[in-house]
């Protein structure tokens, strides 16, 4: 059998646009720390990573487009986020603590009470462990119990930085939630070693591929 021809960027984009994309970005103070091997801060790295994605998908993410949610101890929601808004977001310095469970809980709850017309893909950029907010595992487990199929929601945690402190939490979220009561396995994680070699575009394609399997 010949291997299937890899999808062109255009075809991949077409697949992506069938989803609602939500990106949560950690803006807590530790994001100002350096990534030694790359000679830039985690904040600068994230900024370039997201700028690259908004450049590649410019004008193509129709409908609600891209929703970006910057979070530290609190969060705000930017719908239909433009490239300009992304660069504004990174113009201020990161500060505060880390709570990604609260914004995730809001995203999941509002999706589950909506018409759920399109599947939801959520990417969470974080450099560590939450130090406030509800328990992240409970938020995800509760949401899966309301889901009608595993295809409705995918949550991908992207570890930022080489001295990542949240590895054991992410491993647990990725591998053990079903064991602890989740109805579906909806979490994937990408370690920084791997993320460095990818674009956000690749990340979403990787999620789509796993979803298809």
C-alpha atoms as a PDB file:
ATOM      1  CA  UNK A   1       0.000   0.000   0.000  1.00  0.00           C
ATOM      2  CA  UNK A   2       1.281   3.423  -0.878  1.00  0.00           C
ATOM      3  CA  UNK A   3       1.421   5.774   2.073  1.00  0.00           C
ATOM      4  CA  UNK A   4      -1.371   8.336   1.945  1.00  0.00           C
ATOM      5  CA  UNK A   5      -0.228  11.585   0.449  1.00  0.00           C
ATOM      6  CA  UNK A   6       0.351  14.085   3.244  1.00  0.00           C
ATOM      7  CA  UNK A   7      -2.280  16.806   3.290  1.00  0.00           C
ATOM      8  CA  UNK A   8      -1.277  20.147   1.848  1.00  0.00           C
ATOM      9  CA  UNK A   9      -1.319  23.154   4.165  1.00  0.00           C
ATOM     10  CA  UNK A  10      -4.495  24.243   2.449  1.00  0.00           C
ATOM     11  CA  UNK A  11      -6.252  20.936   3.146  1.00  0.00           C
ATOM     12  CA  UNK A  12      -5.036  20.971   6.749  1.00  0.00           C
ATOM     13  CA  UNK A  13      -6.405  24.463   7.179  1.00  0.00           C
ATOM     14  CA  UNK A  14      -9.713  23.358   5.774  1.00  0.00           C
ATOM     15  CA  UNK A  15      -9.874  20.626   8.407  1.00  0.00           C
ATOM     16  CA  UNK A  16      -8.921  23.104  11.124  1.00  0.00           C
ATOM     17  CA  UNK A  17     -11.626  25.562  10.149  1.00  0.00           C
ATOM     18  CA  UNK A  18     -14.273  22.968  10.960  1.00  0.00           C
ATOM     19  CA  UNK A  19     -13.359  23.441  14.622  1.00  0.00           C
ATOM     20  CA  UNK A  20     -13.618  26.209  17.170  1.00  0.00           C
ATOM     21  CA  UNK A  21     -10.059  26.973  18.266  1.00  0.00           C
ATOM     22  CA  UNK A  22      -9.302  28.341  21.703  1.00  0.00           C
ATOM     23  CA  UNK A  23      -5.823  29.154  22.946  1.00  0.00           C
ATOM     24  CA  UNK A  24      -5.089  29.702  26.635  1.00  0.00           C
ATOM     25  CA  UNK A  25      -1.803  31.509  27.243  1.00  0.00           C
ATOM     26  CA  UNK A  26      -0.032  31.556  30.602  1.00  0.00           C
ATOM     27  CA  UNK A  27       0.892  35.160  31.459  1.00  0.00           C
ATOM     28  CA  UNK A  28       2.119  34.436  35.014  1.00  0.00           C
ATOM     29  CA  UNK A  29       5.386  35.978  36.206  1.00  0.00           C
ATOM     30  CA  UNK A  30       7.461  32.813  35.697  1.00  0.00           C
ATOM     31  CA  UNK A  31       6.924  33.197  31.922  1.00  0.00           C
ATOM     32  CA  UNK A  32       9.567  35.951  32.050  1.00  0.00           C
ATOM     33  CA  UNK A  33      12.237  33.317  32.860  1.00  0.00           C
ATOM     34  CA  UNK A  34      14.780  32.368  30.217  1.00  0.00           C
ATOM     35  CA  UNK A  35      14.932  29.261  28.061  1.00  0.00           C
ATOM     36  CA  UNK A  36      18.730  28.818  28.223  1.00  0.00           C
ATOM     37  CA  UNK A  37      19.189  26.824  24.996  1.00  0.00           C
ATOM     38  CA  UNK A  38      17.179  29.346  22.959  1.00  0.00           C
ATOM     39  CA  UNK A  39      18.551  32.559  24.517  1.00  0.00           C
ATOM     40  CA  UNK A  40      15.075  34.021  24.911  1.00  0.00           C
ATOM     41  CA  UNK A  41      12.404  34.089  27.587  1.00  0.00           C
ATOM     42  CA  UNK A  42       9.416  31.741  27.594  1.00  0.00           C
ATOM     43  CA  UNK A  43       7.320  34.845  26.986  1.00  0.00           C
ATOM     44  CA  UNK A  44       9.286  35.824  23.853  1.00  0.00           C
ATOM     45  CA  UNK A  45       9.174  32.252  22.609  1.00  0.00           C
ATOM     46  CA  UNK A  46       5.370  32.090  23.034  1.00  0.00           C
ATOM     47  CA  UNK A  47       4.983  35.439  21.335  1.00  0.00           C
ATOM     48  CA  UNK A  48       6.843  34.271  18.199  1.00  0.00           C
ATOM     49  CA  UNK A  49       5.108  30.909  18.225  1.00  0.00           C
ATOM     50  CA  UNK A  50       1.648  32.495  18.210  1.00  0.00           C
ATOM     51  CA  UNK A  51       2.595  35.261  15.763  1.00  0.00           C
ATOM     52  CA  UNK A  52       3.748  32.592  13.320  1.00  0.00           C
ATOM     53  CA  UNK A  53       0.398  30.785  13.624  1.00  0.00           C
ATOM     54  CA  UNK A  54      -1.737  33.898  13.186  1.00  0.00           C
ATOM     55  CA  UNK A  55       0.362  34.797  10.133  1.00  0.00           C
ATOM     56  CA  UNK A  56      -0.169  31.371   8.534  1.00  0.00           C
ATOM     57  CA  UNK A  57      -3.883  31.283   9.210  1.00  0.00           C
ATOM     58  CA  UNK A  58      -4.620  34.935   8.478  1.00  0.00           C
ATOM     59  CA  UNK A  59      -8.097  35.407   7.038  1.00  0.00           C
ATOM     60  CA  UNK A  60      -8.687  31.666   6.917  1.00  0.00           C
ATOM     61  CA  UNK A  61     -10.153  30.996  10.323  1.00  0.00           C
ATOM     62  CA  UNK A  62     -13.628  32.125   9.386  1.00  0.00           C
ATOM     63  CA  UNK A  63     -16.630  32.177  11.672  1.00  0.00           C
ATOM     64  CA  UNK A  64     -15.697  32.810  15.260  1.00  0.00           C
ATOM     65  CA  UNK A  65     -12.003  32.662  14.272  1.00  0.00           C
ATOM     66  CA  UNK A  66      -9.493  32.277  17.026  1.00  0.00           C
ATOM     67  CA  UNK A  67     -10.285  32.869  20.685  1.00  0.00           C
ATOM     68  CA  UNK A  68      -7.284  33.677  22.880  1.00  0.00           C
ATOM     69  CA  UNK A  69      -7.518  33.668  26.673  1.00  0.00           C
ATOM     70  CA  UNK A  70      -4.543  35.115  28.549  1.00  0.00           C
ATOM     71  CA  UNK A  71      -4.532  33.862  32.160  1.00  0.00           C
ATOM     72  CA  UNK A  72      -2.557  34.250  35.376  1.00  0.00           C
ATOM     73  CA  UNK A  73      -4.496  34.420  38.672  1.00  0.00           C
ATOM     74  CA  UNK A  74      -7.379  35.852  36.602  1.00  0.00           C
ATOM     75  CA  UNK A  75      -8.188  35.746  32.879  1.00  0.00           C
ATOM     76  CA  UNK A  76      -9.915  37.546  30.031  1.00  0.00           C
ATOM     77  CA  UNK A  77     -11.329  36.319  26.723  1.00  0.00           C
ATOM     78  CA  UNK A  78     -10.413  37.809  23.334  1.00  0.00           C
ATOM     79  CA  UNK A  79     -12.717  36.463  20.619  1.00  0.00           C
ATOM     80  CA  UNK A  80     -11.884  36.677  16.909  1.00  0.00           C
ATOM     81  CA  UNK A  81      -8.343  37.499  17.966  1.00  0.00           C
ATOM     82  CA  UNK A  82      -6.291  39.252  15.268  1.00  0.00           C
ATOM     83  CA  UNK A  83      -2.518  39.163  14.743  1.00  0.00           C
ATOM     84  CA  UNK A  84      -2.416  42.720  16.101  1.00  0.00           C
ATOM     85  CA  UNK A  85      -4.188  41.708  19.301  1.00  0.00           C
ATOM     86  CA  UNK A  86      -1.762  38.833  19.754  1.00  0.00           C
ATOM     87  CA  UNK A  87       1.240  41.161  19.541  1.00  0.00           C
ATOM     88  CA  UNK A  88      -0.461  43.614  21.957  1.00  0.00           C
ATOM     89  CA  UNK A  89      -0.959  40.804  24.394  1.00  0.00           C
ATOM     90  CA  UNK A  90       2.790  40.154  24.449  1.00  0.00           C
ATOM     91  CA  UNK A  91       3.669  43.838  24.703  1.00  0.00           C
ATOM     92  CA  UNK A  92       3.051  43.828  28.460  1.00  0.00           C
ATOM     93  CA  UNK A  93       5.242  41.926  30.936  1.00  0.00           C
ATOM     94  CA  UNK A  94       3.996  38.647  32.424  1.00  0.00           C
ATOM     95  CA  UNK A  95       3.021  38.758  36.112  1.00  0.00           C
ATOM     96  CA  UNK A  96       0.860  37.070  38.752  1.00  0.00           C
ATOM     97  CA  UNK A  97       0.122  33.481  39.714  1.00  0.00           C
ATOM     98  CA  UNK A  98      -1.235  30.544  37.691  1.00  0.00           C
ATOM     99  CA  UNK A  99      -4.837  29.372  37.434  1.00  0.00           C
ATOM    100  CA  UNK A 100      -5.704  27.631  34.179  1.00  0.00           C
ATOM    101  CA  UNK A 101      -8.577  25.592  35.610  1.00  0.00           C
ATOM    102  CA  UNK A 102     -10.965  28.572  35.925  1.00  0.00           C
ATOM    103  CA  UNK A 103     -10.748  29.723  32.283  1.00  0.00           C
ATOM    104  CA  UNK A 104     -10.861  26.114  31.100  1.00  0.00           C
ATOM    105  CA  UNK A 105     -13.941  25.487  33.208  1.00  0.00           C
ATOM    106  CA  UNK A 106     -15.696  28.486  31.660  1.00  0.00           C
ATOM    107  CA  UNK A 107     -14.757  27.450  28.109  1.00  0.00           C
ATOM    108  CA  UNK A 108     -15.975  23.888  28.641  1.00  0.00           C
ATOM    109  CA  UNK A 109     -19.205  24.860  30.425  1.00  0.00           C
ATOM    110  CA  UNK A 110     -20.221  27.411  27.817  1.00  0.00           C
ATOM    111  CA  UNK A 111     -19.445  24.940  25.029  1.00  0.00           C
ATOM    112  CA  UNK A 112     -21.531  22.207  26.656  1.00  0.00           C
ATOM    113  CA  UNK A 113     -24.583  24.435  27.069  1.00  0.00           C
ATOM    114  CA  UNK A 114     -24.225  25.789  23.512  1.00  0.00           C
ATOM    115  CA  UNK A 115     -25.501  24.059  20.376  1.00  0.00           C
ATOM    116  CA  UNK A 116     -22.090  22.315  20.004  1.00  0.00           C
ATOM    117  CA  UNK A 117     -22.223  22.789  16.248  1.00  0.00           C
ATOM    118  CA  UNK A 118     -18.470  22.427  15.818  1.00  0.00           C
ATOM    119  CA  UNK A 119     -15.955  20.391  17.751  1.00  0.00           C
ATOM    120  CA  UNK A 120     -13.769  22.353  20.143  1.00  0.00           C
ATOM    121  CA  UNK A 121      -9.966  22.313  20.127  1.00  0.00           C
ATOM    122  CA  UNK A 122      -8.243  23.907  23.092  1.00  0.00           C
ATOM    123  CA  UNK A 123      -4.495  24.496  23.386  1.00  0.00           C
ATOM    124  CA  UNK A 124      -3.105  25.503  26.786  1.00  0.00           C
ATOM    125  CA  UNK A 125       0.379  27.061  26.877  1.00  0.00           C
ATOM    126  CA  UNK A 126       1.768  26.873  30.403  1.00  0.00           C
ATOM    127  CA  UNK A 127       5.153  26.675  32.100  1.00  0.00           C
ATOM    128  CA  UNK A 128       4.036  24.993  35.290  1.00  0.00           C
ATOM    129  CA  UNK A 129       1.527  23.926  37.858  1.00  0.00           C
ATOM    130  CA  UNK A 130      -1.575  25.933  38.828  1.00  0.00           C
ATOM    131  CA  UNK A 131      -1.298  27.489  42.287  1.00  0.00           C
ATOM    132  CA  UNK A 132      -4.918  28.647  42.546  1.00  0.00           C
ATOM    133  CA  UNK A 133      -8.379  27.922  41.163  1.00  0.00           C
ATOM    134  CA  UNK A 134     -10.410  24.694  41.060  1.00  0.00           C
ATOM    135  CA  UNK A 135      -8.736  21.299  40.604  1.00  0.00           C
ATOM    136  CA  UNK A 136      -7.939  20.955  36.912  1.00  0.00           C
ATOM    137  CA  UNK A 137      -8.567  17.192  36.828  1.00  0.00           C
ATOM    138  CA  UNK A 138     -12.050  17.616  38.298  1.00  0.00           C
ATOM    139  CA  UNK A 139     -12.903  20.331  35.759  1.00  0.00           C
ATOM    140  CA  UNK A 140     -11.999  18.002  32.875  1.00  0.00           C
ATOM    141  CA  UNK A 141     -13.599  14.866  34.344  1.00  0.00           C
ATOM    142  CA  UNK A 142     -16.877  16.730  34.987  1.00  0.00           C
ATOM    143  CA  UNK A 143     -16.921  18.122  31.444  1.00  0.00           C
ATOM    144  CA  UNK A 144     -16.418  14.676  29.855  1.00  0.00           C
ATOM    145  CA  UNK A 145     -19.492  13.387  31.692  1.00  0.00           C
ATOM    146  CA  UNK A 146     -21.579  15.945  29.801  1.00  0.00           C
ATOM    147  CA  UNK A 147     -20.041  15.123  26.423  1.00  0.00           C
ATOM    148  CA  UNK A 148     -21.844  13.059  23.805  1.00  0.00           C
ATOM    149  CA  UNK A 149     -18.710  11.750  22.093  1.00  0.00           C
ATOM    150  CA  UNK A 150     -14.939  11.871  22.428  1.00  0.00           C
ATOM    151  CA  UNK A 151     -14.786  13.932  19.241  1.00  0.00           C
ATOM    152  CA  UNK A 152     -16.491  16.966  20.724  1.00  0.00           C
ATOM    153  CA  UNK A 153     -13.590  18.333  22.735  1.00  0.00           C
ATOM    154  CA  UNK A 154      -9.799  18.006  22.672  1.00  0.00           C
ATOM    155  CA  UNK A 155      -7.574  19.719  25.242  1.00  0.00           C
ATOM    156  CA  UNK A 156      -3.850  19.870  24.504  1.00  0.00           C
ATOM    157  CA  UNK A 157      -1.395  21.096  27.127  1.00  0.00           C
ATOM    158  CA  UNK A 158       1.793  22.569  25.685  1.00  0.00           C
ATOM    159  CA  UNK A 159       4.689  22.599  28.120  1.00  0.00           C
ATOM    160  CA  UNK A 160       6.752  25.785  27.780  1.00  0.00           C
ATOM    161  CA  UNK A 161      10.372  25.828  28.965  1.00  0.00           C
ATOM    162  CA  UNK A 162      13.128  23.327  29.668  1.00  0.00           C
ATOM    163  CA  UNK A 163      12.839  23.313  33.464  1.00  0.00           C
ATOM    164  CA  UNK A 164       9.160  22.413  33.244  1.00  0.00           C
ATOM    165  CA  UNK A 165       7.735  21.738  36.724  1.00  0.00           C
ATOM    166  CA  UNK A 166       4.351  20.448  35.690  1.00  0.00           C
ATOM    167  CA  UNK A 167       5.454  17.248  33.927  1.00  0.00           C
ATOM    168  CA  UNK A 168       3.902  14.844  36.435  1.00  0.00           C
ATOM    169  CA  UNK A 169       0.586  16.759  36.459  1.00  0.00           C
ATOM    170  CA  UNK A 170       0.448  16.739  32.654  1.00  0.00           C
ATOM    171  CA  UNK A 171       1.312  13.049  32.499  1.00  0.00           C
ATOM    172  CA  UNK A 172      -1.516  12.366  34.941  1.00  0.00           C
ATOM    173  CA  UNK A 173      -4.005  14.464  32.925  1.00  0.00           C
ATOM    174  CA  UNK A 174      -2.925  12.750  29.721  1.00  0.00           C
ATOM    175  CA  UNK A 175      -2.922   9.156  30.941  1.00  0.00           C
ATOM    176  CA  UNK A 176      -5.009   8.647  34.055  1.00  0.00           C
ATOM    177  CA  UNK A 177      -8.199  10.722  33.891  1.00  0.00           C
ATOM    178  CA  UNK A 178     -10.302   7.899  32.443  1.00  0.00           C
ATOM    179  CA  UNK A 179      -9.079   5.675  35.258  1.00  0.00           C
ATOM    180  CA  UNK A 180     -10.258   8.368  37.685  1.00  0.00           C
ATOM    181  CA  UNK A 181     -13.736   8.733  36.241  1.00  0.00           C
ATOM    182  CA  UNK A 182     -13.503  10.693  32.969  1.00  0.00           C
ATOM    183  CA  UNK A 183     -15.946   9.391  30.363  1.00  0.00           C
ATOM    184  CA  UNK A 184     -13.488  10.017  27.484  1.00  0.00           C
ATOM    185  CA  UNK A 185      -9.783  10.568  27.052  1.00  0.00           C
ATOM    186  CA  UNK A 186      -9.742  14.164  25.814  1.00  0.00           C
ATOM    187  CA  UNK A 187      -6.303  15.347  26.977  1.00  0.00           C
ATOM    188  CA  UNK A 188      -3.024  15.303  25.094  1.00  0.00           C
ATOM    189  CA  UNK A 189       0.257  16.852  26.106  1.00  0.00           C
ATOM    190  CA  UNK A 190       3.278  17.988  24.136  1.00  0.00           C
ATOM    191  CA  UNK A 191       6.623  18.264  25.936  1.00  0.00           C
ATOM    192  CA  UNK A 192       8.782  21.291  25.167  1.00  0.00           C
ATOM    193  CA  UNK A 193      11.523  19.180  23.558  1.00  0.00           C
ATOM    194  CA  UNK A 194       9.007  18.210  20.909  1.00  0.00           C
ATOM    195  CA  UNK A 195       7.135  21.517  20.833  1.00  0.00           C
ATOM    196  CA  UNK A 196      10.343  23.391  19.926  1.00  0.00           C
ATOM    197  CA  UNK A 197      10.396  21.533  16.611  1.00  0.00           C
ATOM    198  CA  UNK A 198       6.735  22.192  15.814  1.00  0.00           C
ATOM    199  CA  UNK A 199       4.528  25.107  14.864  1.00  0.00           C
ATOM    200  CA  UNK A 200       1.113  25.627  16.447  1.00  0.00           C
ATOM    201  CA  UNK A 201      -0.242  24.566  13.092  1.00  0.00           C
ATOM    202  CA  UNK A 202       1.588  21.214  13.499  1.00  0.00           C
ATOM    203  CA  UNK A 203       0.229  20.892  17.033  1.00  0.00           C
ATOM    204  CA  UNK A 204      -3.386  21.255  15.921  1.00  0.00           C
ATOM    205  CA  UNK A 205      -2.774  18.825  13.030  1.00  0.00           C
ATOM    206  CA  UNK A 206      -1.266  16.325  15.463  1.00  0.00           C
ATOM    207  CA  UNK A 207      -4.408  16.639  17.615  1.00  0.00           C
ATOM    208  CA  UNK A 208      -6.648  16.167  14.580  1.00  0.00           C
ATOM    209  CA  UNK A 209      -4.705  13.094  13.562  1.00  0.00           C
ATOM    210  CA  UNK A 210      -4.948  11.510  17.002  1.00  0.00           C
ATOM    211  CA  UNK A 211      -8.619  12.346  17.053  1.00  0.00           C
ATOM    212  CA  UNK A 212      -9.132  10.560  13.748  1.00  0.00           C
ATOM    213  CA  UNK A 213      -7.484   7.460  15.204  1.00  0.00           C
END
